[in-house]
Amino acid sequence: MDEQITIQCEEGTLVNVGPRNKLSSVTYGGGDAGGGNVTVTYSYSGFNVLSVAHPEDPSIPAPPG
């Protein structure tokens, strides 16, 4: 199933890697009995799509109003 992947940072940067990404693997590690942190990694395969934008970028026209 295709997944849209976008990441928006608190300061406004928006990263978009497109609408056609497929989950290819999941890895799980850590989480020992001593309270260690768990790490889960999701890997996706997709197409050559990447856009990065920021609302304060002067090359992007301001919205009307």
PDB file of N, CA and C in Angstrom:
ATOM      1  N   MET A   1       0.841  -1.170   0.000  1.00  0.00           N
ATOM      2  CA  MET A   1       0.000   0.000   0.000  1.00  0.00           C
ATOM      3  C   MET A   1       0.893   1.243   0.000  1.00  0.00           C
ATOM      4  N   ASP A   2       0.598   2.179  -0.856  1.00  0.00           N
ATOM      5  CA  ASP A   2       1.371   3.421  -0.935  1.00  0.00           C
ATOM      6  C   ASP A   2       1.082   4.311   0.266  1.00  0.00           C
ATOM      7  N   GLU A   3       2.130   4.977   0.767  1.00  0.00           N
ATOM      8  CA  GLU A   3       2.010   5.885   1.902  1.00  0.00           C
ATOM      9  C   GLU A   3       2.582   7.246   1.534  1.00  0.00           C
ATOM     10  N   GLN A   4       1.889   8.310   1.903  1.00  0.00           N
ATOM     11  CA  GLN A   4       2.389   9.686   1.775  1.00  0.00           C
ATOM     12  C   GLN A   4       3.276   9.947   2.988  1.00  0.00           C
ATOM     13  N   ILE A   5       4.482  10.482   2.775  1.00  0.00           N
ATOM     14  CA  ILE A   5       5.368  10.793   3.886  1.00  0.00           C
ATOM     15  C   ILE A   5       5.712  12.271   3.847  1.00  0.00           C
ATOM     16  N   THR A   6       5.321  12.978   4.910  1.00  0.00           N
ATOM     17  CA  THR A   6       5.693  14.376   5.087  1.00  0.00           C
ATOM     18  C   THR A   6       6.140  14.565   6.531  1.00  0.00           C
ATOM     19  N   ILE A   7       7.097  15.444   6.718  1.00  0.00           N
ATOM     20  CA  ILE A   7       7.608  15.765   8.053  1.00  0.00           C
ATOM     21  C   ILE A   7       7.561  17.276   8.198  1.00  0.00           C
ATOM     22  N   GLN A   8       6.917  17.760   9.262  1.00  0.00           N
ATOM     23  CA  GLN A   8       6.886  19.195   9.515  1.00  0.00           C
ATOM     24  C   GLN A   8       7.566  19.458  10.854  1.00  0.00           C
ATOM     25  N   CYS A   9       8.614  20.279  10.809  1.00  0.00           N
ATOM     26  CA  CYS A   9       9.366  20.645  12.005  1.00  0.00           C
ATOM     27  C   CYS A   9       8.655  21.773  12.740  1.00  0.00           C
ATOM     28  N   GLU A  10       8.944  21.915  14.017  1.00  0.00           N
ATOM     29  CA  GLU A  10       8.316  22.954  14.830  1.00  0.00           C
ATOM     30  C   GLU A  10       8.571  24.355  14.288  1.00  0.00           C
ATOM     31  N   GLU A  11       9.756  24.609  13.712  1.00  0.00           N
ATOM     32  CA  GLU A  11      10.069  25.948  13.218  1.00  0.00           C
ATOM     33  C   GLU A  11       9.510  26.207  11.824  1.00  0.00           C
ATOM     34  N   GLY A  12       8.813  25.232  11.234  1.00  0.00           N
ATOM     35  CA  GLY A  12       8.109  25.479   9.988  1.00  0.00           C
ATOM     36  C   GLY A  12       8.603  24.734   8.768  1.00  0.00           C
ATOM     37  N   THR A  13       9.811  24.165   8.798  1.00  0.00           N
ATOM     38  CA  THR A  13      10.310  23.445   7.628  1.00  0.00           C
ATOM     39  C   THR A  13       9.414  22.241   7.338  1.00  0.00           C
ATOM     40  N   LEU A  14       9.059  22.081   6.057  1.00  0.00           N
ATOM     41  CA  LEU A  14       8.233  20.968   5.623  1.00  0.00           C
ATOM     42  C   LEU A  14       9.022  20.137   4.616  1.00  0.00           C
ATOM     43  N   VAL A  15       9.172  18.843   4.905  1.00  0.00           N
ATOM     44  CA  VAL A  15       9.867  17.905   4.022  1.00  0.00           C
ATOM     45  C   VAL A  15       8.821  16.926   3.495  1.00  0.00           C
ATOM     46  N   ASN A  16       8.756  16.780   2.177  1.00  0.00           N
ATOM     47  CA  ASN A  16       7.786  15.896   1.538  1.00  0.00           C
ATOM     48  C   ASN A  16       8.548  14.938   0.626  1.00  0.00           C
ATOM     49  N   VAL A  17       8.393  13.640   0.851  1.00  0.00           N
ATOM     50  CA  VAL A  17       9.063  12.660  -0.004  1.00  0.00           C
ATOM     51  C   VAL A  17       8.078  11.943  -0.927  1.00  0.00           C
ATOM     52  N   GLY A  18       6.898  12.528  -1.107  1.00  0.00           N
ATOM     53  CA  GLY A  18       5.975  12.037  -2.117  1.00  0.00           C
ATOM     54  C   GLY A  18       4.928  11.068  -1.618  1.00  0.00           C
ATOM     55  N   PRO A  19       3.993  10.732  -2.509  1.00  0.00           N
ATOM     56  CA  PRO A  19       2.837   9.914  -2.129  1.00  0.00           C
ATOM     57  C   PRO A  19       2.987   8.411  -2.371  1.00  0.00           C
ATOM     58  N   ARG A  20       4.074   7.980  -2.999  1.00  0.00           N
ATOM     59  CA  ARG A  20       4.169   6.565  -3.372  1.00  0.00           C
ATOM     60  C   ARG A  20       5.351   5.892  -2.681  1.00  0.00           C
ATOM     61  N   ASN A  21       5.209   5.666  -1.384  1.00  0.00           N
ATOM     62  CA  ASN A  21       6.250   5.025  -0.587  1.00  0.00           C
ATOM     63  C   ASN A  21       5.690   3.740  -0.002  1.00  0.00           C
ATOM     64  N   LYS A  22       6.482   2.681  -0.057  1.00  0.00           N
ATOM     65  CA  LYS A  22       6.050   1.382   0.461  1.00  0.00           C
ATOM     66  C   LYS A  22       6.971   0.954   1.600  1.00  0.00           C
ATOM     67  N   LEU A  23       6.362   0.480   2.686  1.00  0.00           N
ATOM     68  CA  LEU A  23       7.124  -0.032   3.816  1.00  0.00           C
ATOM     69  C   LEU A  23       7.881  -1.275   3.373  1.00  0.00           C
ATOM     70  N   SER A  24       9.222  -1.259   3.542  1.00  0.00           N
ATOM     71  CA  SER A  24      10.018  -2.398   3.091  1.00  0.00           C
ATOM     72  C   SER A  24      10.549  -3.239   4.252  1.00  0.00           C
ATOM     73  N   SER A  25      10.755  -2.633   5.446  1.00  0.00           N
ATOM     74  CA  SER A  25      11.192  -3.429   6.585  1.00  0.00           C
ATOM     75  C   SER A  25      10.995  -2.653   7.883  1.00  0.00           C
ATOM     76  N   VAL A  26      10.944  -3.409   8.978  1.00  0.00           N
ATOM     77  CA  VAL A  26      10.856  -2.843  10.321  1.00  0.00           C
ATOM     78  C   VAL A  26      11.882  -3.564  11.169  1.00  0.00           C
ATOM     79  N   THR A  27      12.713  -2.792  11.897  1.00  0.00           N
ATOM     80  CA  THR A  27      13.669  -3.406  12.819  1.00  0.00           C
ATOM     81  C   THR A  27      13.393  -2.889  14.222  1.00  0.00           C
ATOM     82  N   TYR A  28      13.641  -3.750  15.201  1.00  0.00           N
ATOM     83  CA  TYR A  28      13.379  -3.451  16.601  1.00  0.00           C
ATOM     84  C   TYR A  28      14.617  -3.842  17.385  1.00  0.00           C
ATOM     85  N   GLY A  29      15.093  -2.963  18.241  1.00  0.00           N
ATOM     86  CA  GLY A  29      16.277  -3.292  19.027  1.00  0.00           C
ATOM     87  C   GLY A  29      16.279  -2.587  20.365  1.00  0.00           C
ATOM     88  N   GLY A  30      17.078  -3.102  21.278  1.00  0.00           N
ATOM     89  CA  GLY A  30      17.213  -2.495  22.593  1.00  0.00           C
ATOM     90  C   GLY A  30      16.129  -2.966  23.539  1.00  0.00           C
ATOM     91  N   GLY A  31      15.864  -2.132  24.557  1.00  0.00           N
ATOM     92  CA  GLY A  31      14.822  -2.458  25.525  1.00  0.00           C
ATOM     93  C   GLY A  31      15.211  -3.572  26.466  1.00  0.00           C
ATOM     94  N   ASP A  32      16.402  -3.480  27.056  1.00  0.00           N
ATOM     95  CA  ASP A  32      16.849  -4.530  27.969  1.00  0.00           C
ATOM     96  C   ASP A  32      16.100  -4.447  29.302  1.00  0.00           C
ATOM     97  N   ALA A  33      16.306  -5.447  30.150  1.00  0.00           N
ATOM     98  CA  ALA A  33      15.624  -5.526  31.445  1.00  0.00           C
ATOM     99  C   ALA A  33      16.028  -4.393  32.385  1.00  0.00           C
ATOM    100  N   GLY A  34      17.128  -3.712  32.112  1.00  0.00           N
ATOM    101  CA  GLY A  34      17.582  -2.612  32.954  1.00  0.00           C
ATOM    102  C   GLY A  34      16.941  -1.278  32.596  1.00  0.00           C
ATOM    103  N   GLY A  35      15.949  -1.278  31.730  1.00  0.00           N
ATOM    104  CA  GLY A  35      15.254  -0.043  31.379  1.00  0.00           C
ATOM    105  C   GLY A  35      15.843   0.679  30.191  1.00  0.00           C
ATOM    106  N   GLY A  36      16.638  -0.007  29.377  1.00  0.00           N
ATOM    107  CA  GLY A  36      17.233   0.615  28.200  1.00  0.00           C
ATOM    108  C   GLY A  36      16.186   1.039  27.185  1.00  0.00           C
ATOM    109  N   ASN A  37      16.540   2.020  26.381  1.00  0.00           N
ATOM    110  CA  ASN A  37      15.624   2.530  25.352  1.00  0.00           C
ATOM    111  C   ASN A  37      15.427   1.526  24.229  1.00  0.00           C
ATOM    112  N   VAL A  38      14.253   1.551  23.653  1.00  0.00           N
ATOM    113  CA  VAL A  38      13.914   0.735  22.491  1.00  0.00           C
ATOM    114  C   VAL A  38      14.030   1.612  21.253  1.00  0.00           C
ATOM    115  N   THR A  39      14.542   1.044  20.172  1.00  0.00           N
ATOM    116  CA  THR A  39      14.607   1.737  18.892  1.00  0.00           C
ATOM    117  C   THR A  39      13.831   0.928  17.861  1.00  0.00           C
ATOM    118  N   VAL A  40      12.903   1.585  17.183  1.00  0.00           N
ATOM    119  CA  VAL A  40      12.161   0.962  16.087  1.00  0.00           C
ATOM    120  C   VAL A  40      12.476   1.771  14.837  1.00  0.00           C
ATOM    121  N   THR A  41      12.899   1.097  13.773  1.00  0.00           N
ATOM    122  CA  THR A  41      13.231   1.762  12.522  1.00  0.00           C
ATOM    123  C   THR A  41      12.323   1.235  11.417  1.00  0.00           C
ATOM    124  N   TYR A  42      11.642   2.147  10.745  1.00  0.00           N
ATOM    125  CA  TYR A  42      10.791   1.811   9.612  1.00  0.00           C
ATOM    126  C   TYR A  42      11.526   2.236   8.347  1.00  0.00           C
ATOM    127  N   SER A  43      11.698   1.331   7.416  1.00  0.00           N
ATOM    128  CA  SER A  43      12.355   1.648   6.145  1.00  0.00           C
ATOM    129  C   SER A  43      11.324   1.596   5.022  1.00  0.00           C
ATOM    130  N   TYR A  44      11.370   2.625   4.185  1.00  0.00           N
ATOM    131  CA  TYR A  44      10.445   2.730   3.061  1.00  0.00           C
ATOM    132  C   TYR A  44      11.235   2.796   1.769  1.00  0.00           C
ATOM    133  N   SER A  45      10.652   2.282   0.706  1.00  0.00           N
ATOM    134  CA  SER A  45      11.211   2.496  -0.625  1.00  0.00           C
ATOM    135  C   SER A  45      10.218   3.367  -1.387  1.00  0.00           C
ATOM    136  N   GLY A  46      10.772   4.251  -2.214  1.00  0.00           N
ATOM    137  CA  GLY A  46       9.904   5.177  -2.928  1.00  0.00           C
ATOM    138  C   GLY A  46      10.543   5.612  -4.223  1.00  0.00           C
ATOM    139  N   PHE A  47      10.007   6.680  -4.776  1.00  0.00           N
ATOM    140  CA  PHE A  47      10.485   7.201  -6.034  1.00  0.00           C
ATOM    141  C   PHE A  47      11.285   8.472  -5.784  1.00  0.00           C
ATOM    142  N   ASN A  48      11.911   8.999  -6.788  1.00  0.00           N
ATOM    143  CA  ASN A  48      12.774  10.166  -6.653  1.00  0.00           C
ATOM    144  C   ASN A  48      11.960  11.451  -6.536  1.00  0.00           C
ATOM    145  N   VAL A  49      11.319  11.610  -5.383  1.00  0.00           N
ATOM    146  CA  VAL A  49      10.531  12.805  -5.094  1.00  0.00           C
ATOM    147  C   VAL A  49      11.021  13.365  -3.772  1.00  0.00           C
ATOM    148  N   LEU A  50      11.365  14.651  -3.758  1.00  0.00           N
ATOM    149  CA  LEU A  50      11.750  15.308  -2.520  1.00  0.00           C
ATOM    150  C   LEU A  50      11.515  16.794  -2.679  1.00  0.00           C
ATOM    151  N   SER A  51      10.759  17.363  -1.751  1.00  0.00           N
ATOM    152  CA  SER A  51      10.624  18.809  -1.726  1.00  0.00           C
ATOM    153  C   SER A  51      10.793  19.270  -0.285  1.00  0.00           C
ATOM    154  N   VAL A  52      11.471  20.389  -0.129  1.00  0.00           N
ATOM    155  CA  VAL A  52      11.706  20.986   1.174  1.00  0.00           C
ATOM    156  C   VAL A  52      11.292  22.441   1.068  1.00  0.00           C
ATOM    157  N   ALA A  53      10.466  22.892   2.008  1.00  0.00           N
ATOM    158  CA  ALA A  53       9.983  24.270   1.974  1.00  0.00           C
ATOM    159  C   ALA A  53       9.944  24.833   3.386  1.00  0.00           C
ATOM    160  N   HIS A  54       9.989  26.151   3.477  1.00  0.00           N
ATOM    161  CA  HIS A  54       9.872  26.845   4.750  1.00  0.00           C
ATOM    162  C   HIS A  54       8.992  28.066   4.524  1.00  0.00           C
ATOM    163  N   PRO A  55       8.074  28.362   5.453  1.00  0.00           N
ATOM    164  CA  PRO A  55       7.157  29.486   5.236  1.00  0.00           C
ATOM    165  C   PRO A  55       7.855  30.843   5.134  1.00  0.00           C
ATOM    166  N   GLU A  56       9.076  30.970   5.614  1.00  0.00           N
ATOM    167  CA  GLU A  56       9.803  32.236   5.521  1.00  0.00           C
ATOM    168  C   GLU A  56      10.760  32.294   4.333  1.00  0.00           C
ATOM    169  N   ASP A  57      10.687  31.305   3.443  1.00  0.00           N
ATOM    170  CA  ASP A  57      11.530  31.286   2.244  1.00  0.00           C
ATOM    171  C   ASP A  57      11.085  32.411   1.317  1.00  0.00           C
ATOM    172  N   PRO A  58      11.969  33.354   0.991  1.00  0.00           N
ATOM    173  CA  PRO A  58      11.572  34.485   0.150  1.00  0.00           C
ATOM    174  C   PRO A  58      11.211  34.090  -1.286  1.00  0.00           C
ATOM    175  N   SER A  59      11.579  32.903  -1.741  1.00  0.00           N
ATOM    176  CA  SER A  59      11.257  32.505  -3.109  1.00  0.00           C
ATOM    177  C   SER A  59       9.838  31.969  -3.239  1.00  0.00           C
ATOM    178  N   ILE A  60       9.142  31.781  -2.117  1.00  0.00           N
ATOM    179  CA  ILE A  60       7.769  31.287  -2.141  1.00  0.00           C
ATOM    180  C   ILE A  60       6.836  32.487  -1.978  1.00  0.00           C
ATOM    181  N   PRO A  61       5.900  32.680  -2.914  1.00  0.00           N
ATOM    182  CA  PRO A  61       5.004  33.843  -2.799  1.00  0.00           C
ATOM    183  C   PRO A  61       4.130  33.745  -1.550  1.00  0.00           C
ATOM    184  N   ALA A  62       3.892  34.874  -0.915  1.00  0.00           N
ATOM    185  CA  ALA A  62       3.032  34.928   0.265  1.00  0.00           C
ATOM    186  C   ALA A  62       1.587  34.666  -0.140  1.00  0.00           C
ATOM    187  N   PRO A  63       0.809  33.975   0.715  1.00  0.00           N
ATOM    188  CA  PRO A  63      -0.598  33.742   0.381  1.00  0.00           C
ATOM    189  C   PRO A  63      -1.367  35.054   0.354  1.00  0.00           C
ATOM    190  N   PRO A  64      -2.407  35.132  -0.469  1.00  0.00           N
ATOM    191  CA  PRO A  64      -3.183  36.381  -0.550  1.00  0.00           C
ATOM    192  C   PRO A  64      -3.882  36.691   0.763  1.00  0.00           C
ATOM    193  N   GLY A  65      -4.066  37.967   1.032  1.00  0.00           N
ATOM    194  CA  GLY A  65      -4.837  38.385   2.203  1.00  0.00           C
ATOM    195  C   GLY A  65      -3.984  38.815   3.271  1.00  0.00           C
TER     196      GLY A  65
END
